[in-house]
C-alpha cells in the first residue's frame, strides 16, 4: 500500500509546524537548512541561521520540507531577476506609467520613514494612504509591490516580506524595479 501524496504533504507540513513551534526546534530546522541555503546562494550575505529562522517563520504555510526554503524563499537570499518570464508575466496587465507612479510614491514613503517607525508600523499600513491617493486599483498596487519585492506572483504576505527584508533592502528593491521600468 502506498501513501497518498496529499496526505504525505499534510503530514510533512504538520510535522514541520510542530518542530518550528518551539525555539529549539526552529533553530534545529534552520541549522539543518543552513548548508543547503549557503550552497544555493553562495554570494548572499543573508544566510545566517538566525535569518533562516525568520525565513522559515515567514514561509511557514508554504514549506513541506526543508528543501522548500531554497525554492520558495529564494527572493529572501538573492537579488531578483526582473527579466525572468515569471516576473515579466506578472506585469502584463499593468501599464508602465502606473507601475512607475506606484513605485515612485512607495519609494517616497519608505525614504521618509525612520527605522523606528519602519519597525513599529506594518509596511502596508504605511502605504495605505498613498494607495488611496494614487486612485489605482488595489490589485494593481499590490501586484507592482509583489513584483518589486518578490519577483513572483505567489508568496508570503507583503508586510511580512518587507519586515524580513528590512527597510534598506526593501528600498533597494523598489528602486531597482523603478529603474527597470525606465529600461523597458
N, C-alpha and C. Protein backbone atom coordinates (compact mmCIF):
# COMPACT_ATOMS: atom_id res chain seq x y z
N UNK A 1 0.84 -1.18 0.00
CA UNK A 1 0.00 0.00 0.00
C UNK A 1 0.88 1.24 0.00
N UNK A 2 0.49 2.24 -0.77
CA UNK A 2 1.29 3.47 -0.85
C UNK A 2 0.53 4.62 -0.17
N UNK A 3 1.30 5.61 0.23
CA UNK A 3 0.73 6.76 0.91
C UNK A 3 0.30 7.80 -0.12
N UNK A 4 -0.88 8.31 0.04
CA UNK A 4 -1.41 9.34 -0.84
C UNK A 4 -0.50 10.58 -0.75
N UNK A 5 -0.05 11.14 -1.90
CA UNK A 5 0.85 12.31 -1.88
C UNK A 5 0.27 13.51 -1.11
N UNK A 6 -1.03 13.72 -1.21
CA UNK A 6 -1.65 14.84 -0.48
C UNK A 6 -1.57 14.60 1.03
N UNK A 7 -1.77 13.35 1.42
CA UNK A 7 -1.69 13.00 2.84
C UNK A 7 -0.25 13.16 3.34
N UNK A 8 0.71 12.73 2.51
CA UNK A 8 2.12 12.87 2.88
C UNK A 8 2.49 14.35 3.03
N UNK A 9 2.02 15.18 2.11
CA UNK A 9 2.28 16.62 2.20
C UNK A 9 1.70 17.18 3.50
N UNK A 10 0.48 16.80 3.82
CA UNK A 10 -0.16 17.24 5.05
C UNK A 10 0.67 16.82 6.27
N UNK A 11 1.09 15.56 6.28
CA UNK A 11 1.87 15.06 7.42
C UNK A 11 3.21 15.80 7.55
N UNK A 12 3.87 16.04 6.41
CA UNK A 12 5.14 16.77 6.44
C UNK A 12 4.95 18.19 6.98
N UNK A 13 3.93 18.89 6.47
CA UNK A 13 3.66 20.26 6.93
C UNK A 13 3.37 20.26 8.42
N UNK A 14 2.54 19.34 8.84
CA UNK A 14 2.17 19.26 10.25
C UNK A 14 3.40 18.98 11.13
N UNK A 15 4.25 18.08 10.67
CA UNK A 15 5.48 17.77 11.41
C UNK A 15 6.37 19.02 11.52
N UNK A 16 6.58 19.71 10.39
CA UNK A 16 7.42 20.91 10.41
C UNK A 16 6.83 21.96 11.34
N UNK A 17 5.52 22.13 11.30
CA UNK A 17 4.87 23.11 12.16
C UNK A 17 5.13 22.79 13.63
N UNK A 18 5.03 21.52 13.99
CA UNK A 18 5.28 21.12 15.37
C UNK A 18 6.73 21.39 15.76
N UNK A 19 7.65 21.14 14.83
CA UNK A 19 9.07 21.35 15.12
C UNK A 19 9.36 22.84 15.30
N UNK A 20 8.92 23.70 14.37
CA UNK A 20 9.29 25.11 14.46
C UNK A 20 8.46 25.89 15.46
N UNK A 21 7.51 25.23 16.10
CA UNK A 21 6.70 25.93 17.11
C UNK A 21 7.44 26.10 18.44
N UNK A 22 8.62 25.50 18.56
CA UNK A 22 9.45 25.74 19.74
C UNK A 22 10.75 26.41 19.30
N UNK A 23 11.31 27.26 20.13
CA UNK A 23 12.57 27.94 19.74
C UNK A 23 13.69 26.95 19.39
N UNK A 24 13.83 25.88 20.18
CA UNK A 24 14.88 24.90 19.89
C UNK A 24 14.62 24.17 18.58
N UNK A 25 13.37 23.83 18.33
CA UNK A 25 13.01 23.14 17.09
C UNK A 25 13.24 24.02 15.88
N UNK A 26 12.86 25.30 16.00
CA UNK A 26 13.07 26.26 14.90
C UNK A 26 14.56 26.40 14.61
N UNK A 27 15.35 26.54 15.63
CA UNK A 27 16.80 26.66 15.44
C UNK A 27 17.36 25.40 14.78
N UNK A 28 16.89 24.23 15.22
CA UNK A 28 17.34 22.96 14.66
C UNK A 28 17.03 22.89 13.16
N UNK A 29 15.82 23.28 12.77
CA UNK A 29 15.46 23.28 11.34
C UNK A 29 16.35 24.23 10.56
N UNK A 30 16.56 25.42 11.10
CA UNK A 30 17.40 26.41 10.41
C UNK A 30 18.83 25.91 10.26
N UNK A 31 19.33 25.27 11.30
CA UNK A 31 20.69 24.72 11.22
C UNK A 31 20.77 23.62 10.16
N UNK A 32 19.73 22.79 10.09
CA UNK A 32 19.72 21.72 9.07
C UNK A 32 19.65 22.31 7.66
N UNK A 33 18.97 23.43 7.50
CA UNK A 33 18.83 24.04 6.17
C UNK A 33 20.02 24.93 5.81
N UNK A 34 20.81 25.30 6.80
CA UNK A 34 21.87 26.30 6.62
C UNK A 34 22.83 25.96 5.48
N UNK A 35 23.38 24.75 5.46
CA UNK A 35 24.34 24.38 4.41
C UNK A 35 23.71 24.40 3.02
N UNK A 36 22.48 23.93 2.94
CA UNK A 36 21.79 23.93 1.64
C UNK A 36 21.55 25.36 1.15
N UNK A 37 21.15 26.25 2.05
CA UNK A 37 20.93 27.65 1.70
C UNK A 37 22.24 28.30 1.26
N UNK A 38 23.31 28.07 2.01
CA UNK A 38 24.61 28.64 1.65
C UNK A 38 25.10 28.11 0.30
N UNK A 39 24.86 26.82 0.04
CA UNK A 39 25.28 26.24 -1.24
C UNK A 39 24.46 26.82 -2.40
N UNK A 40 23.18 27.05 -2.17
CA UNK A 40 22.31 27.57 -3.23
C UNK A 40 22.58 29.05 -3.51
N UNK A 41 22.99 29.79 -2.47
CA UNK A 41 23.20 31.24 -2.60
C UNK A 41 24.57 31.61 -2.03
N UNK A 42 25.64 31.15 -2.67
CA UNK A 42 26.98 31.32 -2.10
C UNK A 42 27.42 32.77 -1.93
N UNK A 43 26.90 33.67 -2.73
CA UNK A 43 27.34 35.07 -2.62
C UNK A 43 26.42 35.90 -1.73
N UNK A 44 25.40 35.29 -1.16
CA UNK A 44 24.45 36.02 -0.32
C UNK A 44 25.04 36.29 1.06
N UNK A 45 24.78 37.48 1.55
CA UNK A 45 25.18 37.81 2.92
C UNK A 45 24.01 37.60 3.89
N UNK A 46 22.95 36.96 3.39
CA UNK A 46 21.74 36.76 4.19
C UNK A 46 21.47 35.27 4.39
N UNK A 47 22.47 34.57 4.91
CA UNK A 47 22.30 33.12 5.09
C UNK A 47 22.59 32.66 6.51
N UNK A 48 22.53 33.56 7.46
CA UNK A 48 22.80 33.16 8.84
C UNK A 48 21.67 32.25 9.34
N UNK A 49 21.96 31.46 10.32
CA UNK A 49 20.95 30.58 10.92
C UNK A 49 19.79 31.41 11.45
N UNK A 50 20.09 32.54 12.06
CA UNK A 50 19.05 33.41 12.61
C UNK A 50 18.13 33.92 11.50
N UNK A 51 18.71 34.34 10.38
CA UNK A 51 17.91 34.83 9.25
C UNK A 51 17.07 33.70 8.68
N UNK A 52 17.65 32.52 8.54
CA UNK A 52 16.90 31.36 8.02
C UNK A 52 15.72 31.05 8.94
N UNK A 53 15.89 31.21 10.24
CA UNK A 53 14.78 31.01 11.16
C UNK A 53 13.64 31.96 10.82
N UNK A 54 13.97 33.21 10.56
CA UNK A 54 12.95 34.20 10.20
C UNK A 54 12.27 33.85 8.87
N UNK A 55 13.07 33.37 7.92
CA UNK A 55 12.51 32.95 6.63
C UNK A 55 11.53 31.79 6.84
N UNK A 56 11.90 30.82 7.65
CA UNK A 56 11.02 29.68 7.93
C UNK A 56 9.69 30.17 8.50
N UNK A 57 9.74 31.07 9.45
CA UNK A 57 8.51 31.57 10.05
C UNK A 57 7.66 32.36 9.05
N UNK A 58 8.32 33.07 8.14
CA UNK A 58 7.60 33.84 7.14
C UNK A 58 6.98 32.93 6.08
N UNK A 59 7.66 31.85 5.73
CA UNK A 59 7.17 30.92 4.71
C UNK A 59 6.26 29.83 5.27
N UNK A 60 6.08 29.78 6.57
CA UNK A 60 5.57 28.60 7.25
C UNK A 60 4.48 27.80 6.54
N UNK A 61 3.46 28.38 6.01
CA UNK A 61 2.41 27.60 5.38
C UNK A 61 2.77 27.06 4.01
N UNK A 62 3.92 27.48 3.49
CA UNK A 62 4.29 27.13 2.12
C UNK A 62 5.33 26.03 2.03
N UNK A 63 5.98 25.70 3.13
CA UNK A 63 7.04 24.71 3.04
C UNK A 63 6.55 23.34 3.53
N UNK A 64 6.89 22.33 2.73
CA UNK A 64 6.51 20.95 3.03
C UNK A 64 7.71 20.20 3.60
N UNK A 65 8.91 20.61 3.17
CA UNK A 65 10.15 20.05 3.71
C UNK A 65 11.21 21.14 3.71
N UNK A 66 12.32 20.89 4.35
CA UNK A 66 13.30 21.97 4.50
C UNK A 66 13.93 22.39 3.17
N UNK A 67 13.85 21.56 2.16
CA UNK A 67 14.38 21.93 0.85
C UNK A 67 13.54 23.04 0.21
N UNK A 68 12.28 23.16 0.63
CA UNK A 68 11.41 24.20 0.09
C UNK A 68 11.86 25.60 0.50
N UNK A 69 12.67 25.70 1.53
CA UNK A 69 13.17 27.01 1.96
C UNK A 69 13.95 27.65 0.81
N UNK A 70 14.74 26.85 0.12
CA UNK A 70 15.53 27.36 -1.01
C UNK A 70 14.62 27.69 -2.19
N UNK A 71 13.69 26.81 -2.53
CA UNK A 71 12.87 27.05 -3.72
C UNK A 71 11.80 28.11 -3.50
N UNK A 72 11.14 28.11 -2.36
CA UNK A 72 10.06 29.08 -2.11
C UNK A 72 10.56 30.40 -1.53
N UNK A 73 11.76 30.40 -0.98
CA UNK A 73 12.26 31.61 -0.34
C UNK A 73 13.47 32.21 -1.01
N UNK A 74 13.74 31.86 -2.25
CA UNK A 74 14.94 32.34 -2.94
C UNK A 74 15.05 33.87 -2.91
N UNK A 75 13.92 34.57 -3.04
CA UNK A 75 13.96 36.03 -3.09
C UNK A 75 14.42 36.66 -1.76
N UNK A 76 14.43 35.89 -0.68
CA UNK A 76 14.96 36.41 0.58
C UNK A 76 16.50 36.39 0.60
N UNK A 77 17.07 35.52 -0.20
CA UNK A 77 18.52 35.29 -0.14
C UNK A 77 19.30 35.93 -1.28
N UNK A 78 18.64 36.24 -2.39
CA UNK A 78 19.35 36.75 -3.55
C UNK A 78 18.60 37.91 -4.18
N UNK A 79 19.30 38.66 -5.02
CA UNK A 79 18.67 39.74 -5.76
C UNK A 79 17.67 39.15 -6.74
N UNK A 80 16.70 39.95 -7.11
CA UNK A 80 15.66 39.47 -8.01
C UNK A 80 16.10 39.54 -9.46
N UNK A 81 15.55 38.64 -10.26
CA UNK A 81 15.73 38.68 -11.70
C UNK A 81 14.43 39.20 -12.30
N UNK A 82 14.35 40.50 -12.50
CA UNK A 82 13.13 41.11 -13.01
C UNK A 82 12.92 40.81 -14.50
N UNK A 83 13.90 40.17 -15.12
CA UNK A 83 13.79 39.78 -16.53
C UNK A 83 13.26 38.36 -16.71
N UNK A 84 13.09 37.63 -15.63
CA UNK A 84 12.59 36.26 -15.75
C UNK A 84 11.18 36.27 -16.33
N UNK A 85 10.82 35.20 -17.00
CA UNK A 85 9.47 35.11 -17.59
C UNK A 85 8.39 35.23 -16.52
N UNK A 86 8.64 34.61 -15.37
CA UNK A 86 7.68 34.66 -14.27
C UNK A 86 7.47 36.10 -13.80
N UNK A 87 8.57 36.85 -13.68
CA UNK A 87 8.47 38.24 -13.23
C UNK A 87 7.80 39.12 -14.28
N UNK A 88 8.17 38.94 -15.52
CA UNK A 88 7.55 39.75 -16.60
C UNK A 88 6.07 39.46 -16.73
N UNK A 89 5.70 38.20 -16.58
CA UNK A 89 4.31 37.78 -16.73
C UNK A 89 3.40 38.47 -15.72
N UNK A 90 3.93 38.78 -14.55
CA UNK A 90 3.14 39.42 -13.51
C UNK A 90 2.60 40.78 -13.93
N UNK A 91 3.34 41.48 -14.77
CA UNK A 91 3.01 42.87 -15.08
C UNK A 91 2.34 43.06 -16.43
N UNK A 92 1.88 41.99 -17.04
CA UNK A 92 1.27 42.09 -18.37
C UNK A 92 0.08 43.05 -18.40
N UNK A 93 -0.66 43.12 -17.31
CA UNK A 93 -1.86 43.95 -17.27
C UNK A 93 -1.64 45.28 -16.55
N UNK A 94 -0.39 45.63 -16.29
CA UNK A 94 -0.09 46.88 -15.59
C UNK A 94 0.62 47.82 -16.56
N UNK A 95 0.05 48.99 -16.74
CA UNK A 95 0.66 49.99 -17.62
C UNK A 95 1.98 50.48 -16.99
N UNK A 96 3.02 50.63 -17.81
CA UNK A 96 4.31 51.09 -17.27
C UNK A 96 4.20 52.41 -16.49
N UNK A 97 3.38 53.35 -16.96
CA UNK A 97 3.26 54.63 -16.25
C UNK A 97 2.60 54.45 -14.88
N UNK A 98 1.65 53.50 -14.77
CA UNK A 98 1.04 53.21 -13.46
C UNK A 98 2.06 52.55 -12.54
N UNK A 99 2.81 51.66 -13.09
CA UNK A 99 3.85 50.98 -12.31
C UNK A 99 4.85 51.99 -11.76
N UNK A 100 5.28 52.90 -12.62
CA UNK A 100 6.24 53.92 -12.20
C UNK A 100 5.64 54.84 -11.14
N UNK A 101 4.38 55.24 -11.32
CA UNK A 101 3.71 56.08 -10.33
C UNK A 101 3.67 55.40 -8.96
N UNK A 102 3.31 54.14 -8.95
CA UNK A 102 3.22 53.38 -7.70
C UNK A 102 4.60 53.28 -7.05
N UNK A 103 5.58 52.87 -7.82
CA UNK A 103 6.93 52.69 -7.26
C UNK A 103 7.50 53.99 -6.73
N UNK A 104 7.34 55.07 -7.48
CA UNK A 104 7.87 56.36 -7.02
C UNK A 104 7.18 56.81 -5.73
N UNK A 105 5.87 56.62 -5.64
CA UNK A 105 5.13 57.00 -4.44
C UNK A 105 5.57 56.16 -3.24
N UNK A 106 5.72 54.87 -3.44
CA UNK A 106 6.11 53.98 -2.35
C UNK A 106 7.55 54.27 -1.92
N UNK A 107 8.43 54.54 -2.87
CA UNK A 107 9.82 54.89 -2.54
C UNK A 107 9.84 56.15 -1.66
N UNK A 108 9.03 57.16 -2.03
CA UNK A 108 8.98 58.39 -1.23
C UNK A 108 8.54 58.09 0.21
N UNK A 109 7.54 57.24 0.36
CA UNK A 109 7.05 56.89 1.70
C UNK A 109 8.13 56.16 2.49
N UNK A 110 8.77 55.17 1.88
CA UNK A 110 9.79 54.39 2.58
C UNK A 110 10.98 55.27 2.94
N UNK A 111 11.41 56.13 2.01
CA UNK A 111 12.54 57.03 2.28
C UNK A 111 12.25 57.97 3.44
N UNK A 112 11.01 58.39 3.56
CA UNK A 112 10.67 59.35 4.62
C UNK A 112 10.29 58.67 5.93
N UNK A 113 10.39 57.36 5.97
CA UNK A 113 10.05 56.60 7.18
C UNK A 113 11.32 56.27 7.94
N UNK A 114 11.36 56.66 9.20
CA UNK A 114 12.53 56.35 10.03
C UNK A 114 12.58 54.86 10.32
N UNK A 115 13.74 54.40 10.71
CA UNK A 115 13.91 52.98 11.04
C UNK A 115 12.99 52.60 12.20
N UNK A 116 12.84 53.47 13.19
CA UNK A 116 11.95 53.19 14.33
C UNK A 116 10.51 53.01 13.88
N UNK A 117 10.04 53.91 13.03
CA UNK A 117 8.66 53.82 12.53
C UNK A 117 8.52 52.57 11.66
N UNK A 118 9.54 52.29 10.84
CA UNK A 118 9.52 51.10 9.99
C UNK A 118 9.31 49.85 10.83
N UNK A 119 10.05 49.76 11.92
CA UNK A 119 9.99 48.56 12.77
C UNK A 119 8.71 48.47 13.59
N UNK A 120 8.07 49.60 13.85
CA UNK A 120 6.88 49.57 14.71
C UNK A 120 5.57 49.64 13.94
N UNK A 121 5.62 49.89 12.66
CA UNK A 121 4.41 50.04 11.84
C UNK A 121 4.45 49.04 10.70
N UNK A 122 3.36 48.44 10.39
CA UNK A 122 3.30 47.49 9.27
C UNK A 122 3.54 48.20 7.95
N UNK A 123 4.24 47.53 7.06
CA UNK A 123 4.57 48.07 5.74
C UNK A 123 3.32 48.54 5.00
N UNK A 124 2.30 47.70 4.95
CA UNK A 124 1.10 48.06 4.20
C UNK A 124 0.33 49.17 4.89
N UNK A 125 0.43 49.25 6.19
CA UNK A 125 -0.20 50.33 6.94
C UNK A 125 0.45 51.67 6.55
N UNK A 126 1.76 51.67 6.37
CA UNK A 126 2.47 52.87 5.95
C UNK A 126 2.00 53.34 4.57
N UNK A 127 1.59 52.40 3.74
CA UNK A 127 1.26 52.71 2.34
C UNK A 127 -0.22 52.91 2.07
N UNK A 128 -1.04 52.66 3.06
CA UNK A 128 -2.50 52.71 2.87
C UNK A 128 -2.96 54.04 2.28
N UNK A 129 -2.53 55.13 2.88
CA UNK A 129 -2.95 56.46 2.42
C UNK A 129 -2.43 56.74 1.01
N UNK A 130 -1.20 56.35 0.74
CA UNK A 130 -0.60 56.56 -0.58
C UNK A 130 -1.37 55.80 -1.66
N UNK A 131 -1.77 54.59 -1.35
CA UNK A 131 -2.52 53.78 -2.32
C UNK A 131 -3.84 54.47 -2.67
N UNK A 132 -4.50 55.04 -1.69
CA UNK A 132 -5.77 55.74 -1.94
C UNK A 132 -5.55 56.99 -2.78
N UNK A 133 -4.46 57.73 -2.49
CA UNK A 133 -4.16 58.96 -3.24
C UNK A 133 -3.90 58.67 -4.72
N UNK A 134 -3.29 57.53 -4.99
CA UNK A 134 -2.95 57.20 -6.39
C UNK A 134 -4.18 56.89 -7.21
N UNK A 135 -5.26 56.52 -6.55
CA UNK A 135 -6.51 56.23 -7.24
C UNK A 135 -6.35 55.16 -8.32
N UNK A 136 -5.57 54.15 -7.98
CA UNK A 136 -5.39 52.99 -8.85
C UNK A 136 -5.96 51.77 -8.13
N UNK A 137 -6.38 50.77 -8.87
CA UNK A 137 -6.95 49.59 -8.21
C UNK A 137 -5.96 48.97 -7.22
N UNK A 138 -6.50 48.50 -6.10
CA UNK A 138 -5.69 47.88 -5.05
C UNK A 138 -4.90 46.70 -5.61
N UNK A 139 -5.53 45.93 -6.47
CA UNK A 139 -4.86 44.75 -7.05
C UNK A 139 -3.63 45.18 -7.86
N UNK A 140 -3.75 46.24 -8.63
CA UNK A 140 -2.62 46.76 -9.42
C UNK A 140 -1.50 47.20 -8.49
N UNK A 141 -1.85 47.94 -7.44
CA UNK A 141 -0.89 48.42 -6.46
C UNK A 141 -0.12 47.26 -5.84
N UNK A 142 -0.85 46.25 -5.40
CA UNK A 142 -0.21 45.11 -4.75
C UNK A 142 0.62 44.27 -5.72
N UNK A 143 0.16 44.14 -6.95
CA UNK A 143 0.92 43.38 -7.96
C UNK A 143 2.28 44.05 -8.21
N UNK A 144 2.28 45.36 -8.32
CA UNK A 144 3.53 46.10 -8.56
C UNK A 144 4.47 45.90 -7.37
N UNK A 145 3.93 45.98 -6.16
CA UNK A 145 4.77 45.79 -4.97
C UNK A 145 5.30 44.37 -4.88
N UNK A 146 4.45 43.40 -5.14
CA UNK A 146 4.89 41.99 -5.06
C UNK A 146 5.97 41.74 -6.10
N UNK A 147 5.81 42.29 -7.28
CA UNK A 147 6.82 42.15 -8.33
C UNK A 147 8.15 42.74 -7.86
N UNK A 148 8.10 43.94 -7.28
CA UNK A 148 9.32 44.63 -6.86
C UNK A 148 10.02 43.92 -5.70
N UNK A 149 9.25 43.34 -4.79
CA UNK A 149 9.86 42.75 -3.60
C UNK A 149 10.16 41.27 -3.73
N UNK A 150 9.33 40.54 -4.49
CA UNK A 150 9.48 39.07 -4.57
C UNK A 150 9.82 38.58 -5.97
N UNK A 151 9.38 39.31 -6.98
CA UNK A 151 9.61 38.88 -8.35
C UNK A 151 8.78 37.67 -8.75
N UNK A 152 7.76 37.36 -7.97
CA UNK A 152 6.89 36.23 -8.29
C UNK A 152 5.48 36.50 -7.78
N UNK A 153 4.53 35.84 -8.42
CA UNK A 153 3.12 36.08 -8.16
C UNK A 153 2.67 35.63 -6.77
N UNK A 154 3.19 34.51 -6.32
CA UNK A 154 2.77 33.95 -5.04
C UNK A 154 3.86 34.10 -4.01
N UNK A 155 3.43 34.16 -2.77
CA UNK A 155 4.40 34.23 -1.68
C UNK A 155 3.74 34.68 -0.40
N UNK A 156 4.55 34.85 0.61
CA UNK A 156 4.03 35.30 1.91
C UNK A 156 3.43 36.70 1.80
N UNK A 157 2.73 37.11 2.82
CA UNK A 157 2.15 38.46 2.87
C UNK A 157 3.25 39.49 2.66
N UNK A 158 2.95 40.51 1.87
CA UNK A 158 3.96 41.52 1.56
C UNK A 158 4.47 42.26 2.80
N UNK A 159 3.61 42.46 3.77
CA UNK A 159 4.06 43.08 5.01
C UNK A 159 5.13 42.25 5.68
N UNK A 160 4.96 40.93 5.67
CA UNK A 160 5.95 40.03 6.25
C UNK A 160 7.25 40.03 5.45
N UNK A 161 7.11 40.07 4.13
CA UNK A 161 8.30 40.11 3.26
C UNK A 161 9.10 41.37 3.52
N UNK A 162 8.41 42.52 3.54
CA UNK A 162 9.11 43.79 3.76
C UNK A 162 9.75 43.83 5.15
N UNK A 163 9.07 43.31 6.16
CA UNK A 163 9.62 43.29 7.52
C UNK A 163 10.92 42.49 7.54
N UNK A 164 10.91 41.31 6.89
CA UNK A 164 12.09 40.46 6.90
C UNK A 164 13.22 41.04 6.04
N UNK A 165 12.88 41.61 4.90
CA UNK A 165 13.91 42.24 4.06
C UNK A 165 14.53 43.43 4.77
N UNK A 166 13.73 44.13 5.54
CA UNK A 166 14.20 45.33 6.22
C UNK A 166 14.02 46.56 5.33
N UNK A 167 14.09 47.71 5.95
CA UNK A 167 13.84 48.97 5.24
C UNK A 167 14.81 49.18 4.08
N UNK A 168 16.10 48.98 4.31
CA UNK A 168 17.10 49.27 3.28
C UNK A 168 16.97 48.34 2.07
N UNK A 169 16.81 47.04 2.32
CA UNK A 169 16.68 46.11 1.19
C UNK A 169 15.35 46.31 0.46
N UNK A 170 14.30 46.65 1.19
CA UNK A 170 13.02 46.94 0.56
C UNK A 170 13.17 48.15 -0.36
N UNK A 171 13.79 49.19 0.14
CA UNK A 171 14.02 50.40 -0.65
C UNK A 171 14.88 50.11 -1.87
N UNK A 172 15.90 49.30 -1.69
CA UNK A 172 16.78 48.91 -2.81
C UNK A 172 15.98 48.19 -3.90
N UNK A 173 15.11 47.28 -3.50
CA UNK A 173 14.33 46.53 -4.49
C UNK A 173 13.29 47.42 -5.19
N UNK A 174 12.68 48.32 -4.44
CA UNK A 174 11.73 49.24 -5.05
C UNK A 174 12.44 50.13 -6.07
N UNK A 175 13.62 50.62 -5.71
CA UNK A 175 14.40 51.48 -6.61
C UNK A 175 14.85 50.71 -7.85
N UNK A 176 15.30 49.49 -7.64
CA UNK A 176 15.72 48.64 -8.77
C UNK A 176 14.55 48.41 -9.73
N UNK A 177 13.40 48.15 -9.19
CA UNK A 177 12.22 47.93 -10.03
C UNK A 177 11.84 49.22 -10.77
N UNK A 178 11.95 50.34 -10.10
CA UNK A 178 11.63 51.63 -10.71
C UNK A 178 12.59 51.94 -11.87
N UNK A 179 13.87 51.69 -11.65
CA UNK A 179 14.87 51.88 -12.71
C UNK A 179 14.60 50.95 -13.87
N UNK A 180 14.13 49.76 -13.56
CA UNK A 180 13.84 48.75 -14.56
C UNK A 180 12.71 49.20 -15.48
N UNK A 181 11.73 49.96 -14.96
CA UNK A 181 10.62 50.45 -15.78
C UNK A 181 11.16 51.36 -16.87
N UNK A 182 12.12 52.20 -16.52
CA UNK A 182 12.72 53.12 -17.49
C UNK A 182 13.52 52.43 -18.58
N UNK A 183 13.94 51.20 -18.33
CA UNK A 183 14.75 50.45 -19.30
C UNK A 183 13.89 49.72 -20.33
N UNK A 184 12.61 49.63 -20.06
CA UNK A 184 11.75 48.84 -20.97
C UNK A 184 11.25 49.67 -22.12
